[in-house]
PDB file of N, CA and C in Angstrom:
ATOM      1  N   UNK A   1      85.826 104.289 112.598  1.00  0.00           N
ATOM      2  CA  UNK A   1      87.253 105.245 113.965  1.00  0.00           C
ATOM      3  C   UNK A   1      85.891 105.827 114.541  1.00  0.00           C
ATOM      4  N   UNK A   2      87.375 105.924 115.654  1.00  0.00           N
ATOM      5  CA  UNK A   2      86.395 105.886 117.124  1.00  0.00           C
ATOM      6  C   UNK A   2      87.581 106.752 117.310  1.00  0.00           C
ATOM      7  N   UNK A   3      86.824 108.123 118.545  1.00  0.00           N
ATOM      8  CA  UNK A   3      87.423 109.248 118.851  1.00  0.00           C
ATOM      9  C   UNK A   3      87.461 109.203 120.153  1.00  0.00           C
ATOM     10  N   UNK A   4      88.409 108.875 121.207  1.00  0.00           N
ATOM     11  CA  UNK A   4      88.900 108.991 122.347  1.00  0.00           C
ATOM     12  C   UNK A   4      90.048 110.494 123.146  1.00  0.00           C
ATOM     13  N   UNK A   5      90.243 109.639 124.414  1.00  0.00           N
ATOM     14  CA  UNK A   5      91.563 110.189 125.260  1.00  0.00           C
ATOM     15  C   UNK A   5      92.122 109.969 125.932  1.00  0.00           C
ATOM     16  N   UNK A   6      93.512 109.517 125.518  1.00  0.00           N
ATOM     17  CA  UNK A   6      94.366 109.363 125.617  1.00  0.00           C
ATOM     18  C   UNK A   6      94.536 108.949 127.481  1.00  0.00           C
ATOM     19  N   UNK A   7      94.425 108.302 128.350  1.00  0.00           N
ATOM     20  CA  UNK A   7      94.710 108.708 129.483  1.00  0.00           C
ATOM     21  C   UNK A   7      95.541 107.888 130.448  1.00  0.00           C
ATOM     22  N   UNK A   8      96.173 107.018 129.969  1.00  0.00           N
ATOM     23  CA  UNK A   8      98.254 106.924 130.216  1.00  0.00           C
ATOM     24  C   UNK A   8      99.106 106.461 129.125  1.00  0.00           C
ATOM     25  N   UNK A   9     100.143 106.761 129.463  1.00  0.00           N
ATOM     26  CA  UNK A   9     101.009 106.654 128.342  1.00  0.00           C
ATOM     27  C   UNK A   9     102.237 106.306 128.640  1.00  0.00           C
ATOM     28  N   UNK A  10     102.891 105.101 128.372  1.00  0.00           N
ATOM     29  CA  UNK A  10     104.286 105.362 129.097  1.00  0.00           C
ATOM     30  C   UNK A  10     105.508 104.930 127.830  1.00  0.00           C
ATOM     31  N   UNK A  11     106.012 106.320 128.072  1.00  0.00           N
ATOM     32  CA  UNK A  11     107.230 105.802 126.867  1.00  0.00           C
ATOM     33  C   UNK A  11     107.636 104.506 126.746  1.00  0.00           C
ATOM     34  N   UNK A  12     108.084 105.444 128.153  1.00  0.00           N
ATOM     35  CA  UNK A  12     109.051 103.844 128.001  1.00  0.00           C
ATOM     36  C   UNK A  12     109.161 102.151 127.872  1.00  0.00           C
ATOM     37  N   UNK A  13     107.551 102.214 128.484  1.00  0.00           N
ATOM     38  CA  UNK A  13     107.204 100.798 128.163  1.00  0.00           C
ATOM     39  C   UNK A  13     107.089  99.935 126.595  1.00  0.00           C
ATOM     40  N   UNK A  14     105.894 101.513 126.638  1.00  0.00           N
ATOM     41  CA  UNK A  14     105.751 101.840 125.414  1.00  0.00           C
ATOM     42  C   UNK A  14     103.959 101.354 125.304  1.00  0.00           C
ATOM     43  N   UNK A  15     103.540 101.315 126.555  1.00  0.00           N
ATOM     44  CA  UNK A  15     101.696 101.076 125.945  1.00  0.00           C
ATOM     45  C   UNK A  15     101.322 101.379 126.770  1.00  0.00           C
ATOM     46  N   UNK A  16     100.094 102.163 126.810  1.00  0.00           N
ATOM     47  CA  UNK A  16      98.632 103.230 127.688  1.00  0.00           C
ATOM     48  C   UNK A  16      98.104 102.333 127.623  1.00  0.00           C
ATOM     49  N   UNK A  17      97.271 102.978 127.737  1.00  0.00           N
ATOM     50  CA  UNK A  17      95.082 103.670 127.414  1.00  0.00           C
ATOM     51  C   UNK A  17      94.763 104.207 127.352  1.00  0.00           C
ATOM     52  N   UNK A  18      93.203 104.258 125.758  1.00  0.00           N
ATOM     53  CA  UNK A  18      92.541 104.804 125.404  1.00  0.00           C
ATOM     54  C   UNK A  18      91.344 104.959 126.057  1.00  0.00           C
ATOM     55  N   UNK A  19      90.577 106.271 126.896  1.00  0.00           N
ATOM     56  CA  UNK A  19      88.226 105.665 126.953  1.00  0.00           C
ATOM     57  C   UNK A  19      88.441 105.962 125.611  1.00  0.00           C
ATOM     58  N   UNK A  20      87.395 105.329 125.219  1.00  0.00           N
ATOM     59  CA  UNK A  20      86.544 106.057 124.478  1.00  0.00           C
ATOM     60  C   UNK A  20      85.523 107.014 125.256  1.00  0.00           C
ATOM     61  N   UNK A  21      85.143 108.030 123.422  1.00  0.00           N
ATOM     62  CA  UNK A  21      84.579 109.203 124.280  1.00  0.00           C
ATOM     63  C   UNK A  21      82.900 108.636 124.245  1.00  0.00           C
ATOM     64  N   UNK A  22      82.833 107.965 123.274  1.00  0.00           N
ATOM     65  CA  UNK A  22      81.050 107.273 123.894  1.00  0.00           C
ATOM     66  C   UNK A  22      80.976 105.933 124.363  1.00  0.00           C
ATOM     67  N   UNK A  23      81.639 104.895 124.355  1.00  0.00           N
ATOM     68  CA  UNK A  23      81.432 104.061 125.242  1.00  0.00           C
ATOM     69  C   UNK A  23      82.255 104.078 126.274  1.00  0.00           C
ATOM     70  N   UNK A  24      83.245 104.904 127.043  1.00  0.00           N
ATOM     71  CA  UNK A  24      83.611 104.685 127.942  1.00  0.00           C
ATOM     72  C   UNK A  24      84.493 103.900 128.610  1.00  0.00           C
ATOM     73  N   UNK A  25      84.546 102.847 127.340  1.00  0.00           N
ATOM     74  CA  UNK A  25      85.641 101.633 127.389  1.00  0.00           C
ATOM     75  C   UNK A  25      86.953 102.207 127.353  1.00  0.00           C
ATOM     76  N   UNK A  26      88.073 101.578 128.155  1.00  0.00           N
ATOM     77  CA  UNK A  26      89.474 101.556 127.806  1.00  0.00           C
ATOM     78  C   UNK A  26      89.802 100.418 126.914  1.00  0.00           C
ATOM     79  N   UNK A  27      90.712 100.921 126.241  1.00  0.00           N
ATOM     80  CA  UNK A  27      90.949 100.002 125.487  1.00  0.00           C
ATOM     81  C   UNK A  27      92.719 100.200 125.159  1.00  0.00           C
ATOM     82  N   UNK A  28      93.312  99.222 125.210  1.00  0.00           N
ATOM     83  CA  UNK A  28      94.842  98.333 125.585  1.00  0.00           C
ATOM     84  C   UNK A  28      95.833  99.427 123.651  1.00  0.00           C
ATOM     85  N   UNK A  29      96.637 100.014 124.211  1.00  0.00           N
ATOM     86  CA  UNK A  29      97.574 101.073 123.066  1.00  0.00           C
ATOM     87  C   UNK A  29      98.629 100.671 123.293  1.00  0.00           C
ATOM     88  N   UNK A  30      99.880  99.725 121.943  1.00  0.00           N
ATOM     89  CA  UNK A  30     101.401  99.126 122.317  1.00  0.00           C
ATOM     90  C   UNK A  30     101.300 100.485 121.565  1.00  0.00           C
ATOM     91  N   UNK A  31     102.403 100.583 121.146  1.00  0.00           N
ATOM     92  CA  UNK A  31     103.480 102.278 120.771  1.00  0.00           C
ATOM     93  C   UNK A  31     103.946 100.981 119.349  1.00  0.00           C
ATOM     94  N   UNK A  32     103.450 100.066 119.181  1.00  0.00           N
ATOM     95  CA  UNK A  32     103.300  99.689 117.415  1.00  0.00           C
ATOM     96  C   UNK A  32     102.144 100.167 116.908  1.00  0.00           C
ATOM     97  N   UNK A  33     100.818 100.733 117.548  1.00  0.00           N
ATOM     98  CA  UNK A  33      99.733 101.047 116.514  1.00  0.00           C
ATOM     99  C   UNK A  33      99.946 102.045 116.351  1.00  0.00           C
ATOM    100  N   UNK A  34     101.103 103.128 117.130  1.00  0.00           N
ATOM    101  CA  UNK A  34     100.775 104.891 116.881  1.00  0.00           C
ATOM    102  C   UNK A  34     101.219 104.726 115.371  1.00  0.00           C
ATOM    103  N   UNK A  35     100.605 105.929 115.798  1.00  0.00           N
ATOM    104  CA  UNK A  35     100.252 106.844 113.871  1.00  0.00           C
ATOM    105  C   UNK A  35     101.356 108.102 114.376  1.00  0.00           C
ATOM    106  N   UNK A  36     100.854 108.597 115.020  1.00  0.00           N
ATOM    107  CA  UNK A  36     102.157 109.831 115.941  1.00  0.00           C
ATOM    108  C   UNK A  36     102.050 109.597 117.274  1.00  0.00           C
ATOM    109  N   UNK A  37     102.732 110.686 117.954  1.00  0.00           N
ATOM    110  CA  UNK A  37     103.604 109.905 119.643  1.00  0.00           C
ATOM    111  C   UNK A  37     102.012 111.057 120.484  1.00  0.00           C
ATOM    112  N   UNK A  38     101.922 110.060 121.151  1.00  0.00           N
ATOM    113  CA  UNK A  38     100.694 110.521 122.451  1.00  0.00           C
ATOM    114  C   UNK A  38     101.025 110.734 123.891  1.00  0.00           C
ATOM    115  N   UNK A  39     100.976 111.366 124.602  1.00  0.00           N
ATOM    116  CA  UNK A  39     100.562 111.446 126.207  1.00  0.00           C
ATOM    117  C   UNK A  39      99.749 111.698 126.487  1.00  0.00           C
ATOM    118  N   UNK A  40      99.271 111.597 127.738  1.00  0.00           N
ATOM    119  CA  UNK A  40      97.928 111.587 128.085  1.00  0.00           C
ATOM    120  C   UNK A  40      97.746 112.733 127.534  1.00  0.00           C
ATOM    121  N   UNK A  41      96.314 113.046 128.533  1.00  0.00           N
ATOM    122  CA  UNK A  41      95.227 113.525 127.885  1.00  0.00           C
ATOM    123  C   UNK A  41      95.158 114.492 126.387  1.00  0.00           C
ATOM    124  N   UNK A  42      96.042 113.518 124.933  1.00  0.00           N
ATOM    125  CA  UNK A  42      95.830 114.040 124.346  1.00  0.00           C
ATOM    126  C   UNK A  42      94.357 113.785 124.135  1.00  0.00           C
ATOM    127  N   UNK A  43      93.652 114.290 122.865  1.00  0.00           N
ATOM    128  CA  UNK A  43      92.895 113.117 122.201  1.00  0.00           C
ATOM    129  C   UNK A  43      93.575 113.143 121.380  1.00  0.00           C
ATOM    130  N   UNK A  44      91.911 111.618 120.832  1.00  0.00           N
ATOM    131  CA  UNK A  44      92.884 110.597 119.547  1.00  0.00           C
ATOM    132  C   UNK A  44      91.437 110.394 118.288  1.00  0.00           C
ATOM    133  N   UNK A  45      92.245 109.715 117.302  1.00  0.00           N
ATOM    134  CA  UNK A  45      91.286 108.941 116.613  1.00  0.00           C
ATOM    135  C   UNK A  45      91.216 107.626 116.660  1.00  0.00           C
ATOM    136  N   UNK A  46      91.137 106.875 116.809  1.00  0.00           N
ATOM    137  CA  UNK A  46      92.309 104.529 116.090  1.00  0.00           C
ATOM    138  C   UNK A  46      91.045 103.729 115.469  1.00  0.00           C
ATOM    139  N   UNK A  47      91.395 103.347 115.714  1.00  0.00           N
ATOM    140  CA  UNK A  47      90.202 101.723 115.294  1.00  0.00           C
ATOM    141  C   UNK A  47      90.515 100.860 116.371  1.00  0.00           C
ATOM    142  N   UNK A  48      90.101  99.447 115.762  1.00  0.00           N
ATOM    143  CA  UNK A  48      89.946  98.095 116.987  1.00  0.00           C
ATOM    144  C   UNK A  48      90.117  96.938 116.299  1.00  0.00           C
ATOM    145  N   UNK A  49      91.201  96.714 117.293  1.00  0.00           N
ATOM    146  CA  UNK A  49      92.240  95.489 116.466  1.00  0.00           C
ATOM    147  C   UNK A  49      91.343  94.245 117.747  1.00  0.00           C
ATOM    148  N   UNK A  50      91.483  93.050 117.627  1.00  0.00           N
ATOM    149  CA  UNK A  50      91.809  92.231 118.765  1.00  0.00           C
ATOM    150  C   UNK A  50      93.108  91.666 118.478  1.00  0.00           C
ATOM    151  N   UNK A  51      93.355  91.478 119.683  1.00  0.00           N
ATOM    152  CA  UNK A  51      94.307  91.086 120.060  1.00  0.00           C
ATOM    153  C   UNK A  51      94.550  90.252 121.594  1.00  0.00           C
ATOM    154  N   UNK A  52      95.781  89.826 122.239  1.00  0.00           N
ATOM    155  CA  UNK A  52      95.574  88.591 123.018  1.00  0.00           C
ATOM    156  C   UNK A  52      93.967  88.778 124.214  1.00  0.00           C
ATOM    157  N   UNK A  53      93.999  89.922 124.149  1.00  0.00           N
ATOM    158  CA  UNK A  53      93.305  89.961 125.442  1.00  0.00           C
ATOM    159  C   UNK A  53      92.561  90.797 125.848  1.00  0.00           C
ATOM    160  N   UNK A  54      91.352  91.204 123.843  1.00  0.00           N
ATOM    161  CA  UNK A  54      90.209  91.972 124.290  1.00  0.00           C
ATOM    162  C   UNK A  54      90.999  93.002 122.729  1.00  0.00           C
ATOM    163  N   UNK A  55      89.993  93.426 122.874  1.00  0.00           N
ATOM    164  CA  UNK A  55      90.388  94.486 122.072  1.00  0.00           C
ATOM    165  C   UNK A  55      91.691  96.032 121.856  1.00  0.00           C
ATOM    166  N   UNK A  56      92.162  96.379 120.920  1.00  0.00           N
ATOM    167  CA  UNK A  56      93.000  96.880 121.356  1.00  0.00           C
ATOM    168  C   UNK A  56      93.460  97.976 120.666  1.00  0.00           C
ATOM    169  N   UNK A  57      93.691  99.224 120.300  1.00  0.00           N
ATOM    170  CA  UNK A  57      93.940 100.641 120.029  1.00  0.00           C
ATOM    171  C   UNK A  57      94.651 100.021 119.094  1.00  0.00           C
ATOM    172  N   UNK A  58      94.384 101.136 117.589  1.00  0.00           N
ATOM    173  CA  UNK A  58      95.585 101.255 116.169  1.00  0.00           C
ATOM    174  C   UNK A  58      95.267 102.273 115.809  1.00  0.00           C
ATOM    175  N   UNK A  59      96.277 102.187 114.920  1.00  0.00           N
ATOM    176  CA  UNK A  59      95.873 103.198 113.654  1.00  0.00           C
ATOM    177  C   UNK A  59      95.721 104.727 114.471  1.00  0.00           C
ATOM    178  N   UNK A  60      96.215 104.397 115.847  1.00  0.00           N
ATOM    179  CA  UNK A  60      95.814 105.605 116.976  1.00  0.00           C
ATOM    180  C   UNK A  60      96.923 106.795 116.115  1.00  0.00           C
ATOM    181  N   UNK A  61      96.175 108.318 116.173  1.00  0.00           N
ATOM    182  CA  UNK A  61      96.321 109.545 115.643  1.00  0.00           C
ATOM    183  C   UNK A  61      96.327 110.862 116.261  1.00  0.00           C
ATOM    184  N   UNK A  62      97.047 111.466 117.304  1.00  0.00           N
ATOM    185  CA  UNK A  62      96.299 112.814 117.621  1.00  0.00           C
ATOM    186  C   UNK A  62      94.859 113.726 116.879  1.00  0.00           C
ATOM    187  N   UNK A  63      94.487 114.361 117.115  1.00  0.00           N
ATOM    188  CA  UNK A  63      93.539 114.771 116.830  1.00  0.00           C
ATOM    189  C   UNK A  63      93.943 116.629 116.849  1.00  0.00           C
TER     190      UNK A  63
END
């Protein structure tokens, strides 16, 4: 389980990006990968899964 911060999330379009707390890498997140609703600057935990263009954040939960 990774920890990070929501850098950006667009409710209308259903996607955004999470910045990993340890590696500073950014990961794409789609609304289908959310367990809780998220907003910009929320602290979250997440898992990573292979996506079409790299790793995606899934099972995203607010801390």
